[in-house]
Amino acid sequence: MDKIELDERLALLQETEVITDKAVTVTVRTFERLARLLAKEDIVQGEMLFTHLSSAITRLERGEEIVGPSPEVLQQVKAAGYSDRTECEIAFIEQQYGNPLPDEEKNYLHLHYATVFQLNEGK
């Protein structure tokens, strides 16, 4: 996913009121940060991460809750070895959002970030 694809996807979701303005802002800033971190304009498998992120921010703004991934999935994610880096990215997201994220959302972000780091860094 590159920035143009992201902008198009977010615009469509925003127009249909599936996501909020704040979700768009946080997601775009997060994409830009990750693209710089990875030194890539096209983030492989970024669609799942950024779609989830924009939906998560929207759910939080609307007071909706989510059930997190299973403990077995979380064990696999932790075994991938990207937890510390993901925590830094989550801290950035929370700063942009202005509030802490619930553990359930953080756990899904760990899942998506592990995939993105793994696929974009060839490990």
C-alpha atoms as a PDB file:
ATOM      1  CA  MET A   1       0.000   0.000   0.000  1.00  0.00           C
ATOM      2  CA  ASP A   2       1.354   3.396  -0.918  1.00  0.00           C
ATOM      3  CA  LYS A   3       0.198   6.839   0.194  1.00  0.00           C
ATOM      4  CA  ILE A   4      -2.101   7.315  -2.804  1.00  0.00           C
ATOM      5  CA  GLU A   5      -3.843   3.996  -2.128  1.00  0.00           C
ATOM      6  CA  LEU A   6      -4.155   4.869   1.545  1.00  0.00           C
ATOM      7  CA  ASP A   7      -5.644   8.281   0.802  1.00  0.00           C
ATOM      8  CA  GLU A   8      -8.156   6.774  -1.634  1.00  0.00           C
ATOM      9  CA  ARG A   9      -9.213   4.069   0.831  1.00  0.00           C
ATOM     10  CA  LEU A  10      -9.551   6.509   3.711  1.00  0.00           C
ATOM     11  CA  ALA A  11     -11.491   9.024   1.582  1.00  0.00           C
ATOM     12  CA  LEU A  12     -14.021   6.362   0.634  1.00  0.00           C
ATOM     13  CA  LEU A  13     -14.438   5.214   4.235  1.00  0.00           C
ATOM     14  CA  GLN A  14     -14.694   8.811   5.438  1.00  0.00           C
ATOM     15  CA  GLU A  15     -17.261   9.802   2.793  1.00  0.00           C
ATOM     16  CA  THR A  16     -19.511   6.933   3.838  1.00  0.00           C
ATOM     17  CA  GLU A  17     -19.004   7.817   7.527  1.00  0.00           C
ATOM     18  CA  VAL A  18     -17.465   4.428   8.271  1.00  0.00           C
ATOM     19  CA  ILE A  19     -14.498   6.228   9.874  1.00  0.00           C
ATOM     20  CA  THR A  20     -14.092   9.624  11.525  1.00  0.00           C
ATOM     21  CA  ASP A  21     -11.970  12.628  10.618  1.00  0.00           C
ATOM     22  CA  LYS A  22      -9.729  11.953  13.616  1.00  0.00           C
ATOM     23  CA  ALA A  23      -9.231   8.367  12.441  1.00  0.00           C
ATOM     24  CA  VAL A  24      -8.073   9.656   9.052  1.00  0.00           C
ATOM     25  CA  THR A  25      -5.606  12.087  10.612  1.00  0.00           C
ATOM     26  CA  VAL A  26      -4.090   9.516  12.973  1.00  0.00           C
ATOM     27  CA  THR A  27      -3.881   6.873  10.253  1.00  0.00           C
ATOM     28  CA  VAL A  28      -2.178   9.168   7.735  1.00  0.00           C
ATOM     29  CA  ARG A  29       0.394  10.317  10.283  1.00  0.00           C
ATOM     30  CA  THR A  30       1.041   6.723  11.317  1.00  0.00           C
ATOM     31  CA  PHE A  31       1.500   5.638   7.698  1.00  0.00           C
ATOM     32  CA  GLU A  32       3.939   8.481   7.050  1.00  0.00           C
ATOM     33  CA  ARG A  33       5.952   7.576  10.144  1.00  0.00           C
ATOM     34  CA  LEU A  34       6.105   3.886   9.247  1.00  0.00           C
ATOM     35  CA  ALA A  35       7.047   4.644   5.636  1.00  0.00           C
ATOM     36  CA  ARG A  36       9.982   6.730   6.919  1.00  0.00           C
ATOM     37  CA  LEU A  37      10.971   4.049   9.422  1.00  0.00           C
ATOM     38  CA  LEU A  38      10.960   1.330   6.767  1.00  0.00           C
ATOM     39  CA  ALA A  39      12.394   3.660   4.105  1.00  0.00           C
ATOM     40  CA  LYS A  40       9.626   2.533   1.759  1.00  0.00           C
ATOM     41  CA  GLU A  41       6.910   4.304  -0.176  1.00  0.00           C
ATOM     42  CA  ASP A  42       4.943   1.095  -0.684  1.00  0.00           C
ATOM     43  CA  ILE A  43       4.316  -0.870   2.514  1.00  0.00           C
ATOM     44  CA  VAL A  44       3.656  -4.538   1.811  1.00  0.00           C
ATOM     45  CA  GLN A  45       0.482  -5.760   3.571  1.00  0.00           C
ATOM     46  CA  GLY A  46      -0.150  -2.298   4.997  1.00  0.00           C
ATOM     47  CA  GLU A  47      -3.831  -2.511   4.086  1.00  0.00           C
ATOM     48  CA  MET A  48      -4.770  -4.616   7.099  1.00  0.00           C
ATOM     49  CA  LEU A  49      -2.806  -2.479   9.543  1.00  0.00           C
ATOM     50  CA  PHE A  50      -4.146   0.852   8.362  1.00  0.00           C
ATOM     51  CA  THR A  51      -7.711  -0.318   7.849  1.00  0.00           C
ATOM     52  CA  HIS A  52      -7.691  -1.734  11.370  1.00  0.00           C
ATOM     53  CA  LEU A  53      -6.144   1.419  12.805  1.00  0.00           C
ATOM     54  CA  SER A  54      -8.701   3.753  11.238  1.00  0.00           C
ATOM     55  CA  SER A  55     -11.523   1.463  12.377  1.00  0.00           C
ATOM     56  CA  ALA A  56     -10.060   1.212  15.882  1.00  0.00           C
ATOM     57  CA  ILE A  57      -9.870   4.975  16.336  1.00  0.00           C
ATOM     58  CA  THR A  58     -13.426   5.284  15.054  1.00  0.00           C
ATOM     59  CA  ARG A  59     -14.657   2.564  17.436  1.00  0.00           C
ATOM     60  CA  LEU A  60     -13.006   4.349  20.349  1.00  0.00           C
ATOM     61  CA  GLU A  61     -14.544   7.683  19.412  1.00  0.00           C
ATOM     62  CA  ARG A  62     -17.960   6.050  19.158  1.00  0.00           C
ATOM     63  CA  GLY A  63     -17.577   4.133  22.422  1.00  0.00           C
ATOM     64  CA  GLU A  64     -17.647   0.719  20.777  1.00  0.00           C
ATOM     65  CA  GLU A  65     -15.728  -2.201  22.218  1.00  0.00           C
ATOM     66  CA  ILE A  66     -13.794  -5.029  20.598  1.00  0.00           C
ATOM     67  CA  VAL A  67     -12.693  -8.467  21.693  1.00  0.00           C
ATOM     68  CA  GLY A  68      -8.968  -8.956  21.207  1.00  0.00           C
ATOM     69  CA  PRO A  69      -7.188 -11.809  19.437  1.00  0.00           C
ATOM     70  CA  SER A  70      -6.880 -15.189  21.135  1.00  0.00           C
ATOM     71  CA  PRO A  71      -4.024 -15.901  23.560  1.00  0.00           C
ATOM     72  CA  GLU A  72      -2.601 -18.425  21.079  1.00  0.00           C
ATOM     73  CA  VAL A  73      -2.372 -15.781  18.370  1.00  0.00           C
ATOM     74  CA  LEU A  74      -0.743 -13.359  20.801  1.00  0.00           C
ATOM     75  CA  GLN A  75       1.900 -15.958  21.680  1.00  0.00           C
ATOM     76  CA  GLN A  76       2.773 -16.340  18.004  1.00  0.00           C
ATOM     77  CA  VAL A  77       2.953 -12.574  17.587  1.00  0.00           C
ATOM     78  CA  LYS A  78       5.287 -12.219  20.563  1.00  0.00           C
ATOM     79  CA  ALA A  79       7.479 -14.990  19.177  1.00  0.00           C
ATOM     80  CA  ALA A  80       7.970 -12.942  15.998  1.00  0.00           C
ATOM     81  CA  GLY A  81      10.136 -10.556  18.021  1.00  0.00           C
ATOM     82  CA  TYR A  82       8.720  -7.154  17.107  1.00  0.00           C
ATOM     83  CA  SER A  83       7.048  -6.276  20.414  1.00  0.00           C
ATOM     84  CA  ASP A  84       9.421  -3.483  21.458  1.00  0.00           C
ATOM     85  CA  ARG A  85       9.245  -1.774  18.078  1.00  0.00           C
ATOM     86  CA  THR A  86       5.488  -2.156  17.980  1.00  0.00           C
ATOM     87  CA  GLU A  87       5.163  -0.621  21.443  1.00  0.00           C
ATOM     88  CA  CYS A  88       7.022   2.456  20.146  1.00  0.00           C
ATOM     89  CA  GLU A  89       4.597   2.704  17.228  1.00  0.00           C
ATOM     90  CA  ILE A  90       1.600   2.275  19.537  1.00  0.00           C
ATOM     91  CA  ALA A  91       2.944   5.058  21.772  1.00  0.00           C
ATOM     92  CA  PHE A  92       3.079   7.298  18.691  1.00  0.00           C
ATOM     93  CA  ILE A  93      -0.505   6.376  17.796  1.00  0.00           C
ATOM     94  CA  GLU A  94      -1.675   7.130  21.330  1.00  0.00           C
ATOM     95  CA  GLN A  95       0.097  10.481  21.202  1.00  0.00           C
ATOM     96  CA  GLN A  96      -1.604  11.343  17.913  1.00  0.00           C
ATOM     97  CA  TYR A  97      -4.974  10.133  19.176  1.00  0.00           C
ATOM     98  CA  GLY A  98      -4.575  11.910  22.511  1.00  0.00           C
ATOM     99  CA  ASN A  99      -5.659   8.948  24.623  1.00  0.00           C
ATOM    100  CA  PRO A 100      -4.415   5.492  25.550  1.00  0.00           C
ATOM    101  CA  LEU A 101      -5.649   2.560  23.507  1.00  0.00           C
ATOM    102  CA  PRO A 102      -7.336  -0.397  25.185  1.00  0.00           C
ATOM    103  CA  ASP A 103      -5.311  -3.610  25.398  1.00  0.00           C
ATOM    104  CA  GLU A 104      -7.573  -5.345  22.867  1.00  0.00           C
ATOM    105  CA  GLU A 105      -6.755  -2.758  20.201  1.00  0.00           C
ATOM    106  CA  LYS A 106      -3.065  -2.815  21.114  1.00  0.00           C
ATOM    107  CA  ASN A 107      -3.026  -6.584  20.721  1.00  0.00           C
ATOM    108  CA  TYR A 108      -4.462  -6.352  17.214  1.00  0.00           C
ATOM    109  CA  LEU A 109      -1.924  -3.673  16.358  1.00  0.00           C
ATOM    110  CA  HIS A 110       0.841  -6.004  17.565  1.00  0.00           C
ATOM    111  CA  LEU A 111      -0.472  -8.626  15.167  1.00  0.00           C
ATOM    112  CA  HIS A 112      -0.595  -6.266  12.195  1.00  0.00           C
ATOM    113  CA  TYR A 113       2.742  -4.586  12.898  1.00  0.00           C
ATOM    114  CA  ALA A 114       4.506  -7.952  13.274  1.00  0.00           C
ATOM    115  CA  THR A 115       3.260  -8.921   9.820  1.00  0.00           C
ATOM    116  CA  VAL A 116       4.256  -5.597   8.286  1.00  0.00           C
ATOM    117  CA  PHE A 117       7.726  -5.597   9.851  1.00  0.00           C
ATOM    118  CA  GLN A 118       8.323  -9.192   8.853  1.00  0.00           C
ATOM    119  CA  LEU A 119       7.242  -8.745   5.238  1.00  0.00           C
ATOM    120  CA  ASN A 120       8.907  -5.384   4.675  1.00  0.00           C
ATOM    121  CA  GLU A 121      12.222  -6.212   6.259  1.00  0.00           C
ATOM    122  CA  GLY A 122      12.581  -9.662   4.757  1.00  0.00           C
ATOM    123  CA  LYS A 123      12.998 -11.534   8.042  1.00  0.00           C
END
